[in-house]
């Protein structure tokens, strides 16, 4: 028997130009977008030293985060959703 995966989570999504500047061109599943987002954040050392839940946005991420300089990881997921269709 095959286990049922969350197909909505795995479905390739279209990615806005602002988000594509960070994670690359889509379409790709939401899970892949989140994975690439973390690679970008860690690669540029944008995670807050004191509070690891906060992301300090660079110029590219500010466009994704609606202009916010700092977002927490829970808010990040919601803001990224606006760039997926």
PDB file of N, CA and C in Angstrom:
ATOM      1  N   UNK A   1       0.836  -1.204   0.000  1.00  0.00           N
ATOM      2  CA  UNK A   1       0.000   0.000   0.000  1.00  0.00           C
ATOM      3  C   UNK A   1       0.872   1.256   0.000  1.00  0.00           C
ATOM      4  N   UNK A   2       0.532   2.156  -0.842  1.00  0.00           N
ATOM      5  CA  UNK A   2       1.271   3.424  -0.900  1.00  0.00           C
ATOM      6  C   UNK A   2       0.738   4.373   0.176  1.00  0.00           C
ATOM      7  N   UNK A   3       1.651   5.068   0.819  1.00  0.00           N
ATOM      8  CA  UNK A   3       1.202   6.056   1.802  1.00  0.00           C
ATOM      9  C   UNK A   3       0.777   7.312   1.066  1.00  0.00           C
ATOM     10  N   UNK A   4      -0.239   7.936   1.577  1.00  0.00           N
ATOM     11  CA  UNK A   4      -0.772   9.148   0.928  1.00  0.00           C
ATOM     12  C   UNK A   4       0.076  10.349   1.353  1.00  0.00           C
ATOM     13  N   UNK A   5       0.695  11.002   0.386  1.00  0.00           N
ATOM     14  CA  UNK A   5       1.473  12.194   0.707  1.00  0.00           C
ATOM     15  C   UNK A   5       0.561  13.406   0.595  1.00  0.00           C
ATOM     16  N   UNK A   6       0.979  14.490   1.183  1.00  0.00           N
ATOM     17  CA  UNK A   6       0.210  15.724   1.096  1.00  0.00           C
ATOM     18  C   UNK A   6       0.432  16.319  -0.294  1.00  0.00           C
ATOM     19  N   UNK A   7      -0.467  16.001  -1.216  1.00  0.00           N
ATOM     20  CA  UNK A   7      -0.268  16.394  -2.607  1.00  0.00           C
ATOM     21  C   UNK A   7      -0.280  17.910  -2.794  1.00  0.00           C
ATOM     22  N   UNK A   8      -1.005  18.640  -1.967  1.00  0.00           N
ATOM     23  CA  UNK A   8      -1.024  20.104  -2.068  1.00  0.00           C
ATOM     24  C   UNK A   8       0.365  20.662  -1.759  1.00  0.00           C
ATOM     25  N   UNK A   9       1.037  20.041  -0.808  1.00  0.00           N
ATOM     26  CA  UNK A   9       2.373  20.489  -0.415  1.00  0.00           C
ATOM     27  C   UNK A   9       3.403  20.165  -1.495  1.00  0.00           C
ATOM     28  N   UNK A  10       3.163  19.075  -2.249  1.00  0.00           N
ATOM     29  CA  UNK A  10       4.116  18.615  -3.255  1.00  0.00           C
ATOM     30  C   UNK A  10       3.829  19.166  -4.652  1.00  0.00           C
ATOM     31  N   UNK A  11       2.658  19.773  -4.831  1.00  0.00           N
ATOM     32  CA  UNK A  11       2.275  20.271  -6.145  1.00  0.00           C
ATOM     33  C   UNK A  11       3.182  21.427  -6.569  1.00  0.00           C
ATOM     34  N   UNK A  12       3.753  21.367  -7.784  1.00  0.00           N
ATOM     35  CA  UNK A  12       4.585  22.486  -8.241  1.00  0.00           C
ATOM     36  C   UNK A  12       3.777  23.784  -8.322  1.00  0.00           C
ATOM     37  N   UNK A  13       4.356  24.834  -7.782  1.00  0.00           N
ATOM     38  CA  UNK A  13       3.689  26.140  -7.731  1.00  0.00           C
ATOM     39  C   UNK A  13       4.447  27.114  -8.615  1.00  0.00           C
ATOM     40  N   UNK A  14       3.727  28.098  -9.145  1.00  0.00           N
ATOM     41  CA  UNK A  14       4.386  29.184  -9.863  1.00  0.00           C
ATOM     42  C   UNK A  14       4.957  30.148  -8.836  1.00  0.00           C
ATOM     43  N   UNK A  15       6.098  30.710  -9.160  1.00  0.00           N
ATOM     44  CA  UNK A  15       6.842  31.548  -8.221  1.00  0.00           C
ATOM     45  C   UNK A  15       6.935  32.969  -8.769  1.00  0.00           C
ATOM     46  N   UNK A  16       6.659  33.948  -7.914  1.00  0.00           N
ATOM     47  CA  UNK A  16       6.755  35.351  -8.340  1.00  0.00           C
ATOM     48  C   UNK A  16       8.210  35.687  -8.680  1.00  0.00           C
ATOM     49  N   UNK A  17       8.398  36.750  -9.459  1.00  0.00           N
ATOM     50  CA  UNK A  17       9.757  37.171  -9.835  1.00  0.00           C
ATOM     51  C   UNK A  17      10.597  37.519  -8.611  1.00  0.00           C
ATOM     52  N   UNK A  18       9.976  38.166  -7.623  1.00  0.00           N
ATOM     53  CA  UNK A  18      10.713  38.539  -6.407  1.00  0.00           C
ATOM     54  C   UNK A  18      11.221  37.301  -5.666  1.00  0.00           C
ATOM     55  N   UNK A  19      10.358  36.293  -5.562  1.00  0.00           N
ATOM     56  CA  UNK A  19      10.770  35.065  -4.875  1.00  0.00           C
ATOM     57  C   UNK A  19      11.773  34.286  -5.717  1.00  0.00           C
ATOM     58  N   UNK A  20      11.594  34.290  -7.042  1.00  0.00           N
ATOM     59  CA  UNK A  20      12.521  33.585  -7.938  1.00  0.00           C
ATOM     60  C   UNK A  20      13.944  34.130  -7.816  1.00  0.00           C
ATOM     61  N   UNK A  21      14.073  35.426  -7.497  1.00  0.00           N
ATOM     62  CA  UNK A  21      15.394  36.034  -7.312  1.00  0.00           C
ATOM     63  C   UNK A  21      16.137  35.388  -6.140  1.00  0.00           C
ATOM     64  N   UNK A  22      15.387  34.800  -5.213  1.00  0.00           N
ATOM     65  CA  UNK A  22      15.977  34.174  -4.030  1.00  0.00           C
ATOM     66  C   UNK A  22      16.122  32.659  -4.209  1.00  0.00           C
ATOM     67  N   UNK A  23      15.071  31.984  -4.679  1.00  0.00           N
ATOM     68  CA  UNK A  23      15.070  30.514  -4.724  1.00  0.00           C
ATOM     69  C   UNK A  23      15.257  29.928  -6.122  1.00  0.00           C
ATOM     70  N   UNK A  24      15.254  30.769  -7.148  1.00  0.00           N
ATOM     71  CA  UNK A  24      15.368  30.264  -8.513  1.00  0.00           C
ATOM     72  C   UNK A  24      14.000  30.165  -9.172  1.00  0.00           C
ATOM     73  N   UNK A  25      14.006  29.956 -10.479  1.00  0.00           N
ATOM     74  CA  UNK A  25      12.753  29.922 -11.240  1.00  0.00           C
ATOM     75  C   UNK A  25      11.941  28.672 -10.924  1.00  0.00           C
ATOM     76  N   UNK A  26      10.629  28.830 -10.905  1.00  0.00           N
ATOM     77  CA  UNK A  26       9.722  27.713 -10.690  1.00  0.00           C
ATOM     78  C   UNK A  26       9.341  27.088 -12.007  1.00  0.00           C
ATOM     79  N   UNK A  27       8.275  26.336 -12.048  1.00  0.00           N
ATOM     80  CA  UNK A  27       7.502  25.944 -10.858  1.00  0.00           C
ATOM     81  C   UNK A  27       8.249  24.923  -9.994  1.00  0.00           C
ATOM     82  N   UNK A  28       7.972  24.979  -8.688  1.00  0.00           N
ATOM     83  CA  UNK A  28       8.503  23.972  -7.761  1.00  0.00           C
ATOM     84  C   UNK A  28       7.551  23.831  -6.586  1.00  0.00           C
ATOM     85  N   UNK A  29       7.558  22.668  -5.945  1.00  0.00           N
ATOM     86  CA  UNK A  29       6.661  22.476  -4.795  1.00  0.00           C
ATOM     87  C   UNK A  29       7.034  23.393  -3.629  1.00  0.00           C
ATOM     88  N   UNK A  30       6.048  23.708  -2.812  1.00  0.00           N
ATOM     89  CA  UNK A  30       6.246  24.567  -1.640  1.00  0.00           C
ATOM     90  C   UNK A  30       7.389  24.056  -0.757  1.00  0.00           C
ATOM     91  N   UNK A  31       7.476  22.735  -0.592  1.00  0.00           N
ATOM     92  CA  UNK A  31       8.524  22.151   0.255  1.00  0.00           C
ATOM     93  C   UNK A  31       9.914  22.518  -0.272  1.00  0.00           C
ATOM     94  N   UNK A  32      10.060  22.504  -1.597  1.00  0.00           N
ATOM     95  CA  UNK A  32      11.335  22.846  -2.236  1.00  0.00           C
ATOM     96  C   UNK A  32      11.638  24.340  -2.079  1.00  0.00           C
ATOM     97  N   UNK A  33      10.599  25.175  -2.193  1.00  0.00           N
ATOM     98  CA  UNK A  33      10.758  26.626  -2.018  1.00  0.00           C
ATOM     99  C   UNK A  33      11.300  26.913  -0.620  1.00  0.00           C
ATOM    100  N   UNK A  34      10.691  26.289   0.392  1.00  0.00           N
ATOM    101  CA  UNK A  34      11.108  26.506   1.786  1.00  0.00           C
ATOM    102  C   UNK A  34      12.547  26.026   1.987  1.00  0.00           C
ATOM    103  N   UNK A  35      12.879  24.869   1.413  1.00  0.00           N
ATOM    104  CA  UNK A  35      14.229  24.322   1.532  1.00  0.00           C
ATOM    105  C   UNK A  35      15.252  25.298   0.933  1.00  0.00           C
ATOM    106  N   UNK A  36      14.965  25.798  -0.274  1.00  0.00           N
ATOM    107  CA  UNK A  36      15.893  26.716  -0.949  1.00  0.00           C
ATOM    108  C   UNK A  36      15.978  28.059  -0.220  1.00  0.00           C
ATOM    109  N   UNK A  37      14.872  28.473   0.370  1.00  0.00           N
ATOM    110  CA  UNK A  37      14.850  29.705   1.147  1.00  0.00           C
ATOM    111  C   UNK A  37      15.830  29.593   2.319  1.00  0.00           C
ATOM    112  N   UNK A  38      15.810  28.448   3.012  1.00  0.00           N
ATOM    113  CA  UNK A  38      16.722  28.242   4.140  1.00  0.00           C
ATOM    114  C   UNK A  38      18.173  28.157   3.691  1.00  0.00           C
ATOM    115  N   UNK A  39      18.427  27.554   2.521  1.00  0.00           N
ATOM    116  CA  UNK A  39      19.790  27.507   1.984  1.00  0.00           C
ATOM    117  C   UNK A  39      20.284  28.939   1.771  1.00  0.00           C
ATOM    118  N   UNK A  40      19.413  29.779   1.207  1.00  0.00           N
ATOM    119  CA  UNK A  40      19.742  31.189   0.951  1.00  0.00           C
ATOM    120  C   UNK A  40      20.014  31.928   2.266  1.00  0.00           C
ATOM    121  N   UNK A  41      19.102  31.762   3.234  1.00  0.00           N
ATOM    122  CA  UNK A  41      19.215  32.455   4.532  1.00  0.00           C
ATOM    123  C   UNK A  41      20.506  32.048   5.248  1.00  0.00           C
ATOM    124  N   UNK A  42      20.766  30.752   5.306  1.00  0.00           N
ATOM    125  CA  UNK A  42      21.970  30.268   5.990  1.00  0.00           C
ATOM    126  C   UNK A  42      23.229  30.658   5.220  1.00  0.00           C
ATOM    127  N   UNK A  43      23.183  30.584   3.893  1.00  0.00           N
ATOM    128  CA  UNK A  43      24.328  30.919   3.054  1.00  0.00           C
ATOM    129  C   UNK A  43      24.746  32.374   3.188  1.00  0.00           C
ATOM    130  N   UNK A  44      23.781  33.248   3.423  1.00  0.00           N
ATOM    131  CA  UNK A  44      24.074  34.678   3.572  1.00  0.00           C
ATOM    132  C   UNK A  44      24.099  35.103   5.043  1.00  0.00           C
ATOM    133  N   UNK A  45      23.994  34.115   5.939  1.00  0.00           N
ATOM    134  CA  UNK A  45      24.052  34.361   7.382  1.00  0.00           C
ATOM    135  C   UNK A  45      23.008  35.392   7.815  1.00  0.00           C
ATOM    136  N   UNK A  46      21.759  35.191   7.392  1.00  0.00           N
ATOM    137  CA  UNK A  46      20.693  36.151   7.688  1.00  0.00           C
ATOM    138  C   UNK A  46      19.857  35.769   8.907  1.00  0.00           C
ATOM    139  N   UNK A  47      20.166  34.636   9.515  1.00  0.00           N
ATOM    140  CA  UNK A  47      19.445  34.243  10.717  1.00  0.00           C
ATOM    141  C   UNK A  47      19.994  35.035  11.896  1.00  0.00           C
ATOM    142  N   UNK A  48      19.111  35.589  12.707  1.00  0.00           N
ATOM    143  CA  UNK A  48      19.526  36.416  13.840  1.00  0.00           C
ATOM    144  C   UNK A  48      20.356  35.589  14.828  1.00  0.00           C
ATOM    145  N   UNK A  49      21.495  36.120  15.239  1.00  0.00           N
ATOM    146  CA  UNK A  49      22.389  35.413  16.163  1.00  0.00           C
ATOM    147  C   UNK A  49      21.733  35.138  17.513  1.00  0.00           C
ATOM    148  N   UNK A  50      21.050  36.145  18.059  1.00  0.00           N
ATOM    149  CA  UNK A  50      20.470  36.022  19.396  1.00  0.00           C
ATOM    150  C   UNK A  50      19.148  35.260  19.391  1.00  0.00           C
ATOM    151  N   UNK A  51      18.303  35.569  18.403  1.00  0.00           N
ATOM    152  CA  UNK A  51      17.008  34.895  18.319  1.00  0.00           C
ATOM    153  C   UNK A  51      16.929  34.174  16.974  1.00  0.00           C
ATOM    154  N   UNK A  52      17.231  32.887  16.995  1.00  0.00           N
ATOM    155  CA  UNK A  52      17.334  32.089  15.766  1.00  0.00           C
ATOM    156  C   UNK A  52      16.020  32.030  14.974  1.00  0.00           C
ATOM    157  N   UNK A  53      14.910  32.382  15.617  1.00  0.00           N
ATOM    158  CA  UNK A  53      13.625  32.359  14.901  1.00  0.00           C
ATOM    159  C   UNK A  53      13.459  33.560  13.983  1.00  0.00           C
ATOM    160  N   UNK A  54      14.284  34.571  14.156  1.00  0.00           N
ATOM    161  CA  UNK A  54      14.170  35.776  13.334  1.00  0.00           C
ATOM    162  C   UNK A  54      15.115  35.739  12.142  1.00  0.00           C
ATOM    163  N   UNK A  55      14.606  36.226  11.022  1.00  0.00           N
ATOM    164  CA  UNK A  55      15.382  36.323   9.793  1.00  0.00           C
ATOM    165  C   UNK A  55      15.604  37.811   9.506  1.00  0.00           C
ATOM    166  N   UNK A  56      16.857  38.210   9.325  1.00  0.00           N
ATOM    167  CA  UNK A  56      17.193  39.586   8.959  1.00  0.00           C
ATOM    168  C   UNK A  56      17.239  39.649   7.437  1.00  0.00           C
ATOM    169  N   UNK A  57      16.269  40.303   6.840  1.00  0.00           N
ATOM    170  CA  UNK A  57      16.135  40.305   5.384  1.00  0.00           C
ATOM    171  C   UNK A  57      17.175  41.188   4.707  1.00  0.00           C
ATOM    172  N   UNK A  58      17.756  40.680   3.611  1.00  0.00           N
ATOM    173  CA  UNK A  58      18.572  41.527   2.741  1.00  0.00           C
ATOM    174  C   UNK A  58      17.616  42.151   1.714  1.00  0.00           C
ATOM    175  N   UNK A  59      18.144  42.869   0.742  1.00  0.00           N
ATOM    176  CA  UNK A  59      17.271  43.566  -0.225  1.00  0.00           C
ATOM    177  C   UNK A  59      16.345  42.600  -0.971  1.00  0.00           C
ATOM    178  N   UNK A  60      16.876  41.456  -1.403  1.00  0.00           N
ATOM    179  CA  UNK A  60      16.063  40.489  -2.152  1.00  0.00           C
ATOM    180  C   UNK A  60      14.933  39.931  -1.285  1.00  0.00           C
ATOM    181  N   UNK A  61      15.243  39.628  -0.024  1.00  0.00           N
ATOM    182  CA  UNK A  61      14.214  39.071   0.861  1.00  0.00           C
ATOM    183  C   UNK A  61      13.191  40.119   1.270  1.00  0.00           C
ATOM    184  N   UNK A  62      13.592  41.365   1.380  1.00  0.00           N
ATOM    185  CA  UNK A  62      12.630  42.418   1.730  1.00  0.00           C
ATOM    186  C   UNK A  62      11.489  42.465   0.720  1.00  0.00           C
ATOM    187  N   UNK A  63      11.808  42.235  -0.560  1.00  0.00           N
ATOM    188  CA  UNK A  63      10.763  42.221  -1.595  1.00  0.00           C
ATOM    189  C   UNK A  63       9.787  41.072  -1.361  1.00  0.00           C
ATOM    190  N   UNK A  64      10.308  39.946  -0.909  1.00  0.00           N
ATOM    191  CA  UNK A  64       9.465  38.776  -0.610  1.00  0.00           C
ATOM    192  C   UNK A  64       8.666  39.015   0.675  1.00  0.00           C
ATOM    193  N   UNK A  65       9.281  39.677   1.642  1.00  0.00           N
ATOM    194  CA  UNK A  65       8.670  39.895   2.963  1.00  0.00           C
ATOM    195  C   UNK A  65       7.848  41.177   3.043  1.00  0.00           C
ATOM    196  N   UNK A  66       7.471  41.732   1.907  1.00  0.00           N
ATOM    197  CA  UNK A  66       6.638  42.925   1.907  1.00  0.00           C
ATOM    198  C   UNK A  66       7.329  44.139   2.517  1.00  0.00           C
ATOM    199  N   UNK A  67       8.639  44.240   2.345  1.00  0.00           N
ATOM    200  CA  UNK A  67       9.386  45.403   2.819  1.00  0.00           C
ATOM    201  C   UNK A  67       9.884  45.310   4.246  1.00  0.00           C
ATOM    202  N   UNK A  68       9.540  44.231   4.950  1.00  0.00           N
ATOM    203  CA  UNK A  68       9.967  44.100   6.349  1.00  0.00           C
ATOM    204  C   UNK A  68      11.443  43.730   6.449  1.00  0.00           C
ATOM    205  N   UNK A  69      12.140  44.339   7.393  1.00  0.00           N
ATOM    206  CA  UNK A  69      13.568  44.075   7.583  1.00  0.00           C
ATOM    207  C   UNK A  69      13.807  42.815   8.411  1.00  0.00           C
ATOM    208  N   UNK A  70      12.890  42.529   9.335  1.00  0.00           N
ATOM    209  CA  UNK A  70      13.014  41.348  10.197  1.00  0.00           C
ATOM    210  C   UNK A  70      11.666  40.637  10.260  1.00  0.00           C
ATOM    211  N   UNK A  71      11.689  39.320  10.017  1.00  0.00           N
ATOM    212  CA  UNK A  71      10.472  38.523  10.192  1.00  0.00           C
ATOM    213  C   UNK A  71      10.833  37.259  10.954  1.00  0.00           C
ATOM    214  N   UNK A  72       9.859  36.700  11.691  1.00  0.00           N
ATOM    215  CA  UNK A  72      10.148  35.416  12.326  1.00  0.00           C
ATOM    216  C   UNK A  72       9.782  34.299  11.355  1.00  0.00           C
ATOM    217  N   UNK A  73      10.274  33.103  11.620  1.00  0.00           N
ATOM    218  CA  UNK A  73      10.120  32.019  10.647  1.00  0.00           C
ATOM    219  C   UNK A  73       8.664  31.627  10.404  1.00  0.00           C
ATOM    220  N   UNK A  74       7.784  31.859  11.366  1.00  0.00           N
ATOM    221  CA  UNK A  74       6.364  31.526  11.172  1.00  0.00           C
ATOM    222  C   UNK A  74       5.707  32.538  10.241  1.00  0.00           C
ATOM    223  N   UNK A  75       6.065  33.784  10.423  1.00  0.00           N
ATOM    224  CA  UNK A  75       5.567  34.858   9.563  1.00  0.00           C
ATOM    225  C   UNK A  75       6.120  34.679   8.145  1.00  0.00           C
ATOM    226  N   UNK A  76       7.363  34.235   8.054  1.00  0.00           N
ATOM    227  CA  UNK A  76       8.018  34.035   6.768  1.00  0.00           C
ATOM    228  C   UNK A  76       7.199  33.106   5.867  1.00  0.00           C
ATOM    229  N   UNK A  77       6.730  31.999   6.416  1.00  0.00           N
ATOM    230  CA  UNK A  77       5.949  31.031   5.642  1.00  0.00           C
ATOM    231  C   UNK A  77       4.707  31.678   5.051  1.00  0.00           C
ATOM    232  N   UNK A  78       4.040  32.491   5.856  1.00  0.00           N
ATOM    233  CA  UNK A  78       2.827  33.175   5.401  1.00  0.00           C
ATOM    234  C   UNK A  78       3.151  34.179   4.296  1.00  0.00           C
ATOM    235  N   UNK A  79       4.229  34.944   4.465  1.00  0.00           N
ATOM    236  CA  UNK A  79       4.612  35.949   3.475  1.00  0.00           C
ATOM    237  C   UNK A  79       5.053  35.297   2.159  1.00  0.00           C
ATOM    238  N   UNK A  80       5.741  34.171   2.251  1.00  0.00           N
ATOM    239  CA  UNK A  80       6.188  33.470   1.047  1.00  0.00           C
ATOM    240  C   UNK A  80       4.994  32.918   0.267  1.00  0.00           C
ATOM    241  N   UNK A  81       3.952  32.505   0.972  1.00  0.00           N
ATOM    242  CA  UNK A  81       2.745  31.972   0.320  1.00  0.00           C
ATOM    243  C   UNK A  81       2.139  32.948  -0.689  1.00  0.00           C
ATOM    244  N   UNK A  82       2.268  34.244  -0.393  1.00  0.00           N
ATOM    245  CA  UNK A  82       1.721  35.269  -1.286  1.00  0.00           C
ATOM    246  C   UNK A  82       2.437  35.288  -2.630  1.00  0.00           C
ATOM    247  N   UNK A  83       3.634  34.687  -2.674  1.00  0.00           N
ATOM    248  CA  UNK A  83       4.432  34.686  -3.911  1.00  0.00           C
ATOM    249  C   UNK A  83       4.284  33.381  -4.686  1.00  0.00           C
ATOM    250  N   UNK A  84       3.399  32.497  -4.204  1.00  0.00           N
ATOM    251  CA  UNK A  84       3.169  31.225  -4.871  1.00  0.00           C
ATOM    252  C   UNK A  84       1.756  31.175  -5.427  1.00  0.00           C
ATOM    253  N   UNK A  85       1.612  30.626  -6.620  1.00  0.00           N
ATOM    254  CA  UNK A  85       0.260  30.491  -7.192  1.00  0.00           C
ATOM    255  C   UNK A  85       0.150  29.210  -7.998  1.00  0.00           C
TER     256      UNK A  85
END
